[in-house]
Protein backbone atom coordinates (compact mmCIF):
# COMPACT_ATOMS: atom_id res chain seq x y z
CA UNK A 1 0.00 0.00 0.00
CA UNK A 2 2.79 2.36 0.92
CA UNK A 3 4.51 1.56 -2.32
CA UNK A 4 1.42 2.53 -4.29
CA UNK A 5 1.09 5.80 -2.43
CA UNK A 6 4.75 6.50 -3.06
CA UNK A 7 4.36 5.95 -6.80
CA UNK A 8 1.23 8.11 -6.91
CA UNK A 9 3.17 10.86 -5.17
CA UNK A 10 5.96 10.69 -7.77
CA UNK A 11 3.39 10.76 -10.57
CA UNK A 12 1.68 13.79 -8.99
CA UNK A 13 5.01 15.64 -8.77
CA UNK A 14 5.72 14.86 -12.45
CA UNK A 15 2.29 16.10 -13.50
CA UNK A 16 2.56 19.25 -11.40
CA UNK A 17 6.06 19.94 -12.82
CA UNK A 18 4.84 19.48 -16.35
CA UNK A 19 1.86 21.73 -15.74
CA UNK A 20 3.82 24.58 -14.17
CA UNK A 21 6.56 24.20 -16.76
CA UNK A 22 4.00 24.60 -19.53
CA UNK A 23 2.50 27.63 -17.80
CA UNK A 24 5.87 29.31 -17.45
CA UNK A 25 7.43 28.46 -20.80
CA UNK A 26 4.72 27.98 -23.32
CA UNK A 27 1.73 30.03 -22.22
CA UNK A 28 3.32 33.46 -21.99
CA UNK A 29 1.49 36.20 -23.75
CA UNK A 30 2.43 36.21 -27.38
CA UNK A 31 3.61 39.61 -28.51
CA UNK A 32 2.77 40.11 -32.11
CA UNK A 33 5.24 41.92 -34.28
CA UNK A 34 4.15 45.46 -34.92
CA UNK A 35 2.96 45.90 -38.44
CA UNK A 36 4.80 48.75 -40.18
CA UNK A 37 2.64 50.35 -42.83
CA UNK A 38 4.60 51.80 -45.74
CA UNK A 39 2.78 54.83 -47.06
CA UNK A 40 1.95 54.79 -50.74
CA UNK A 41 3.69 57.45 -52.83
CA UNK A 42 1.45 60.47 -53.42
CA UNK A 43 -0.44 60.31 -56.64
CA UNK A 44 0.24 63.08 -59.08
CA UNK A 45 -2.81 65.20 -59.61
CA UNK A 46 -3.78 65.38 -63.25
CA UNK A 47 -3.53 68.83 -64.81
CA UNK A 48 -6.83 70.49 -64.14
CA UNK A 49 -8.69 71.11 -67.36
CA UNK A 50 -10.95 73.98 -68.25
CA UNK A 51 -13.38 74.33 -71.08
CA UNK A 52 -10.99 75.82 -73.63
CA UNK A 53 -7.53 74.62 -72.61
CA UNK A 54 -5.23 73.02 -70.04
CA UNK A 55 -4.14 74.81 -66.87
CA UNK A 56 -0.64 74.19 -65.50
CA UNK A 57 0.70 74.53 -61.96
CA UNK A 58 1.80 78.12 -62.58
CA UNK A 59 -1.66 79.24 -63.60
CA UNK A 60 -0.88 79.45 -67.31
CA UNK A 61 -3.26 77.99 -69.88
CA UNK A 62 -2.39 76.33 -73.16
CA UNK A 63 -5.14 76.41 -75.77
CA UNK A 64 -4.88 73.53 -78.27
CA UNK A 65 -5.28 74.79 -81.84
CA UNK A 66 -5.57 71.29 -83.39
CA UNK A 67 -5.46 72.48 -86.99
CA UNK A 68 -8.26 74.96 -86.36
CA UNK A 69 -6.56 77.74 -88.31
CA UNK A 70 -4.57 77.36 -91.54
CA UNK A 71 -1.89 79.58 -93.07
CA UNK A 72 -0.04 78.90 -96.29
CA UNK A 73 3.66 79.70 -96.43
CA UNK A 74 4.45 83.38 -97.02
CA UNK A 75 0.79 84.26 -96.42
CA UNK A 76 -0.18 86.57 -93.56
CA UNK A 77 -3.91 85.86 -93.75
CA UNK A 78 -5.42 82.56 -92.69
CA UNK A 79 -7.78 80.42 -94.72
CA UNK A 80 -11.35 81.00 -93.60
CA UNK A 81 -13.21 79.80 -91.76
CA UNK A 82 -11.64 78.95 -88.40
CA UNK A 83 -12.76 75.51 -87.21
CA UNK A 84 -15.95 75.31 -85.16
CA UNK A 85 -13.99 73.78 -82.27
CA UNK A 86 -11.45 76.63 -82.11
CA UNK A 87 -14.16 79.24 -82.62
CA UNK A 88 -15.99 77.86 -79.59
CA UNK A 89 -12.80 77.92 -77.51
CA UNK A 90 -12.28 81.61 -78.32
CA UNK A 91 -15.85 82.35 -77.16
CA UNK A 92 -15.15 80.52 -73.89
CA UNK A 93 -11.82 82.32 -73.55
CA UNK A 94 -13.59 85.67 -73.85
CA UNK A 95 -15.80 84.83 -70.88
CA UNK A 96 -12.75 83.73 -68.90
CA UNK A 97 -10.82 86.95 -69.57
CA UNK A 98 -13.83 89.02 -68.53
CA UNK A 99 -13.82 87.32 -65.11
CA UNK A 100 -10.02 87.15 -64.71
CA UNK A 101 -8.93 90.78 -64.70
CA UNK A 102 -5.17 90.15 -64.67
CA UNK A 103 -4.96 87.62 -67.49
CA UNK A 104 -4.19 88.11 -71.17
CA UNK A 105 -3.90 86.04 -74.34
CA UNK A 106 -0.55 85.49 -76.05
CA UNK A 107 -0.46 84.62 -79.76
CA UNK A 108 2.81 83.29 -81.14
CA UNK A 109 3.01 82.58 -84.86
CA UNK A 110 5.87 80.59 -86.34
CA UNK A 111 7.65 81.31 -89.62
CA UNK A 112 10.58 79.98 -91.62
CA UNK A 113 13.60 81.83 -92.97
CA UNK A 114 12.70 81.04 -96.59
CA UNK A 115 9.28 82.74 -96.49
CA UNK A 116 8.62 86.00 -98.33
CA UNK A 117 7.56 88.87 -96.09
CA UNK A 118 5.18 91.24 -97.89
CA UNK A 119 3.98 92.96 -94.71
CA UNK A 120 5.11 96.15 -92.98
CA UNK A 121 6.35 94.12 -90.00
CA UNK A 122 9.82 92.66 -89.44
CA UNK A 123 8.76 89.07 -90.17
CA UNK A 124 5.83 87.15 -91.60
CA UNK A 125 5.31 85.33 -88.28
CA UNK A 126 4.44 88.54 -86.46
CA UNK A 127 2.16 89.56 -89.34
CA UNK A 128 0.30 86.23 -89.03
CA UNK A 129 -0.06 86.65 -85.26
CA UNK A 130 -1.55 90.11 -85.84
CA UNK A 131 -3.93 88.70 -88.45
CA UNK A 132 -5.22 86.12 -85.96
CA UNK A 133 -5.35 88.79 -83.25
CA UNK A 134 -7.80 90.74 -85.41
CA UNK A 135 -10.06 87.69 -85.66
CA UNK A 136 -9.94 87.24 -81.88
CA UNK A 137 -10.65 90.95 -81.40
CA UNK A 138 -13.75 90.71 -83.59
CA UNK A 139 -14.93 87.89 -81.31
CA UNK A 140 -15.04 90.43 -78.48
CA UNK A 141 -11.63 90.14 -76.78
CA UNK A 142 -10.07 93.65 -76.44
CA UNK A 143 -6.71 94.09 -78.19
CA UNK A 144 -5.25 95.45 -74.95
CA UNK A 145 -5.60 91.89 -73.60
CA UNK A 146 -3.76 90.31 -76.53
CA UNK A 147 0.02 90.03 -77.00
CA UNK A 148 1.55 88.98 -80.33
CA UNK A 149 4.93 87.84 -81.54
CA UNK A 150 6.62 85.95 -84.38
CA UNK A 151 9.06 83.10 -83.77
CA UNK A 152 11.50 81.66 -86.31
CA UNK A 153 11.26 77.88 -86.70
CA UNK A 154 12.76 76.27 -89.77
CA UNK A 155 11.37 72.85 -88.81
CA UNK A 156 7.77 73.75 -89.67
CA UNK A 157 5.91 71.10 -91.63
CA UNK A 158 3.29 71.65 -94.31
CA UNK A 159 0.44 69.36 -95.37
CA UNK A 160 -0.48 68.21 -98.87
CA UNK A 161 -2.28 71.51 -99.48
CA UNK A 162 0.80 73.57 -98.51
CA UNK A 163 -0.78 74.66 -95.23
CA UNK A 164 1.54 75.02 -92.24
CA UNK A 165 0.62 72.23 -89.83
CA UNK A 166 1.26 74.11 -86.58
CA UNK A 167 1.28 77.83 -87.37
CA UNK A 168 0.20 79.18 -83.98
CA UNK A 169 0.62 78.76 -80.25
CA UNK A 170 -2.10 80.20 -78.01
CA UNK A 171 -1.60 80.64 -74.28
CA UNK A 172 -3.06 82.62 -71.40
CA UNK A 173 -0.99 84.05 -68.57
CA UNK A 174 -0.59 87.04 -66.30
CA UNK A 175 -1.06 90.40 -67.99
CA UNK A 176 2.00 92.57 -68.58
CA UNK A 177 2.39 96.20 -67.57
CA UNK A 178 2.78 98.20 -70.80
CA UNK A 179 2.85 101.68 -69.27
CA UNK A 180 6.62 102.19 -69.63
CA UNK A 181 6.70 100.75 -73.15
CA UNK A 182 3.82 102.95 -74.31
CA UNK A 183 5.49 106.04 -72.86
CA UNK A 184 8.73 105.15 -74.64
CA UNK A 185 6.90 104.62 -77.94
CA UNK A 186 5.36 108.09 -77.81
CA UNK A 187 8.71 109.62 -76.87
CA UNK A 188 10.48 107.83 -79.71
CA UNK A 189 7.89 108.90 -82.31
CA UNK A 190 8.08 112.52 -81.11
CA UNK A 191 11.89 112.65 -81.07
CA UNK A 192 12.46 110.47 -84.14
CA UNK A 193 9.32 110.64 -86.31
CA UNK A 194 8.64 107.91 -88.82
CA UNK A 195 9.29 109.58 -92.18
CA UNK A 196 8.96 107.54 -95.37
CA UNK A 197 10.38 109.01 -98.57
CA UNK A 198 9.20 108.48 -102.15
CA UNK A 199 10.72 108.90 -105.59
CA UNK A 200 9.40 111.66 -107.86
CA UNK A 201 5.82 110.90 -108.89
CA UNK A 202 5.88 107.48 -107.18
CA UNK A 203 3.74 106.01 -104.44
CA UNK A 204 5.77 102.84 -103.81
CA UNK A 205 8.24 102.44 -100.97
CA UNK A 206 10.69 99.99 -99.43
CA UNK A 207 10.94 99.75 -95.65
CA UNK A 208 14.21 99.31 -93.76
CA UNK A 209 14.46 97.36 -90.46
CA UNK A 210 14.29 100.49 -88.28
CA UNK A 211 11.14 101.69 -90.04
CA UNK A 212 9.56 98.26 -89.58
CA UNK A 213 10.42 98.38 -85.86
CA UNK A 214 8.68 101.73 -85.52
CA UNK A 215 5.61 100.36 -87.28
CA UNK A 216 5.51 97.48 -84.78
CA UNK A 217 5.58 100.03 -81.96
CA UNK A 218 2.78 102.03 -83.59
CA UNK A 219 0.69 98.86 -83.93
CA UNK A 220 1.33 97.99 -80.27
CA UNK A 221 0.30 101.47 -79.14
CA UNK A 222 -2.93 101.34 -81.14
CA UNK A 223 -3.75 97.96 -79.57
CA UNK A 224 -3.12 99.02 -75.99
CA UNK A 225 -4.52 102.57 -75.94
CA UNK A 226 -8.26 103.00 -76.47
CA UNK A 227 -9.36 105.65 -78.98
CA UNK A 228 -5.81 106.19 -80.22
CA UNK A 229 -5.18 106.53 -83.95
CA UNK A 230 -2.34 106.83 -86.43
CA UNK A 231 -2.18 109.89 -88.70
CA UNK A 232 -0.47 109.46 -92.07
CA UNK A 233 0.29 112.75 -93.86
CA UNK A 234 1.45 112.80 -97.47
CA UNK A 235 3.83 115.53 -98.72
CA UNK A 236 5.41 116.39 -102.08
CA UNK A 237 8.04 118.69 -103.54
CA UNK A 238 6.96 121.61 -105.75
CA UNK A 239 7.42 119.79 -109.04
CA UNK A 240 4.20 120.25 -111.05
CA UNK A 241 1.04 122.09 -110.04
CA UNK A 242 -0.14 122.61 -106.48
CA UNK A 243 -3.40 120.82 -107.28
CA UNK A 244 -1.58 117.79 -108.67
CA UNK A 245 0.77 117.72 -105.68
CA UNK A 246 -2.14 117.79 -103.24
CA UNK A 247 -3.57 114.78 -105.07
CA UNK A 248 -0.19 113.01 -105.15
CA UNK A 249 0.31 113.60 -101.41
CA UNK A 250 -3.08 112.01 -100.73
CA UNK A 251 -2.18 109.05 -102.96
CA UNK A 252 0.99 108.48 -100.95
CA UNK A 253 -0.88 108.67 -97.65
CA UNK A 254 -3.58 106.33 -98.99
CA UNK A 255 -0.93 103.88 -100.21
CA UNK A 256 0.58 103.63 -96.74
CA UNK A 257 -2.82 103.33 -95.11
CA UNK A 258 -3.69 100.44 -97.43
CA UNK A 259 -0.27 98.85 -96.89
CA UNK A 260 -0.72 99.06 -93.12
CA UNK A 261 -4.26 97.69 -93.36
CA UNK A 262 -3.25 94.72 -95.51
CA UNK A 263 -0.58 93.94 -92.93
CA UNK A 264 -3.18 93.77 -90.16
CA UNK A 265 -3.40 97.25 -88.64
CA UNK A 266 -7.09 98.02 -88.33
CA UNK A 267 -8.34 100.54 -90.89
CA UNK A 268 -10.51 102.47 -88.44
CA UNK A 269 -7.38 103.35 -86.44
CA UNK A 270 -5.68 104.96 -89.46
CA UNK A 271 -6.25 108.40 -90.98
CA UNK A 272 -4.69 109.56 -94.26
CA UNK A 273 -4.43 113.22 -95.27
CA UNK A 274 -2.40 115.32 -97.70
CA UNK A 275 -0.48 118.57 -97.31
CA UNK A 276 0.81 118.53 -100.88
CA UNK A 277 3.73 120.92 -101.36
CA UNK A 278 2.64 123.29 -98.53
CA UNK A 279 4.93 122.00 -95.73
CA UNK A 280 8.43 121.46 -97.09
CA UNK A 281 11.21 120.49 -94.67
CA UNK A 282 14.01 121.37 -97.09
CA UNK A 283 14.61 123.64 -100.08
CA UNK A 284 13.00 122.67 -103.35
CA UNK A 285 15.89 124.28 -105.25
CA UNK A 286 18.12 121.22 -104.97
CA UNK A 287 17.65 117.58 -105.85
CA UNK A 288 18.50 116.49 -102.32
CA UNK A 289 16.02 118.97 -100.84
CA UNK A 290 13.19 117.89 -103.13
CA UNK A 291 13.89 114.23 -102.20
CA UNK A 292 13.40 115.08 -98.50
CA UNK A 293 10.12 116.84 -99.23
CA UNK A 294 8.65 113.82 -101.05
CA UNK A 295 7.60 112.00 -97.93
CA UNK A 296 4.86 110.71 -95.66
CA UNK A 297 4.94 111.39 -91.93
CA UNK A 298 3.44 108.79 -89.61
CA UNK A 299 2.39 110.05 -86.17
CA UNK A 300 0.41 108.87 -83.15
CA UNK A 301 -2.14 110.79 -81.17
CA UNK A 302 -1.81 110.63 -77.37
């Protein structure tokens, strides 16, 4: 009997040891590894789009032209009509510019070095930009909110009909302050007037680079200053009758007005008058003096 009790005691000790050993070694609280969440990289926001173009992070807007306007090489006027899609975008742009007081439209027209420039401006690209500016202006966007420039690009492509594939770039950005430029234009015209000379009895003329630069400035002033106009005055020497010279002076003034108009300067901002032989700036007794008197003066009102 004692032996049995002794064995039961040993068995109880073994069981108790196993139990407490399990409690101490195998039933501790299990600490789970902390899960480290790796944040996903931020997603790039798509460029916000508006009805007529694409807005970038700097607040500038690119307006896709998508073949909506066509120019042939060496031409400063575009083939009508403008596409319905682009026409609609210009209407939407007008509403945008009305609400955004410090924004303006920039028109850049491209040209190549082998094109013929028949305009009064330094390059055919600028003349094309001015031509498209006039279309935009007729849609109701004031010219003071439109900037124009020409850009040389000899990699321009043409289609099977000889139209330039990408003749224009249209963008909208912050308006520029033109006050200093306009003041300098007036000062330059007053101190160094634009005087264009003619041969005896002729109404044709060739423009040099400086004269073309002045004409660009005149065009800019007319665009930016409401109610301004350009006065073209034709003069002659005293060769022939006074009546004929008054007529010839008017013909010269009219020629320049038409030349300016064909190049894109709006006709209603141009006035052409004649003074005939009545206001010479040199003697008519010499050949050199008569050559100076055969002229047209181009001035701006303030």
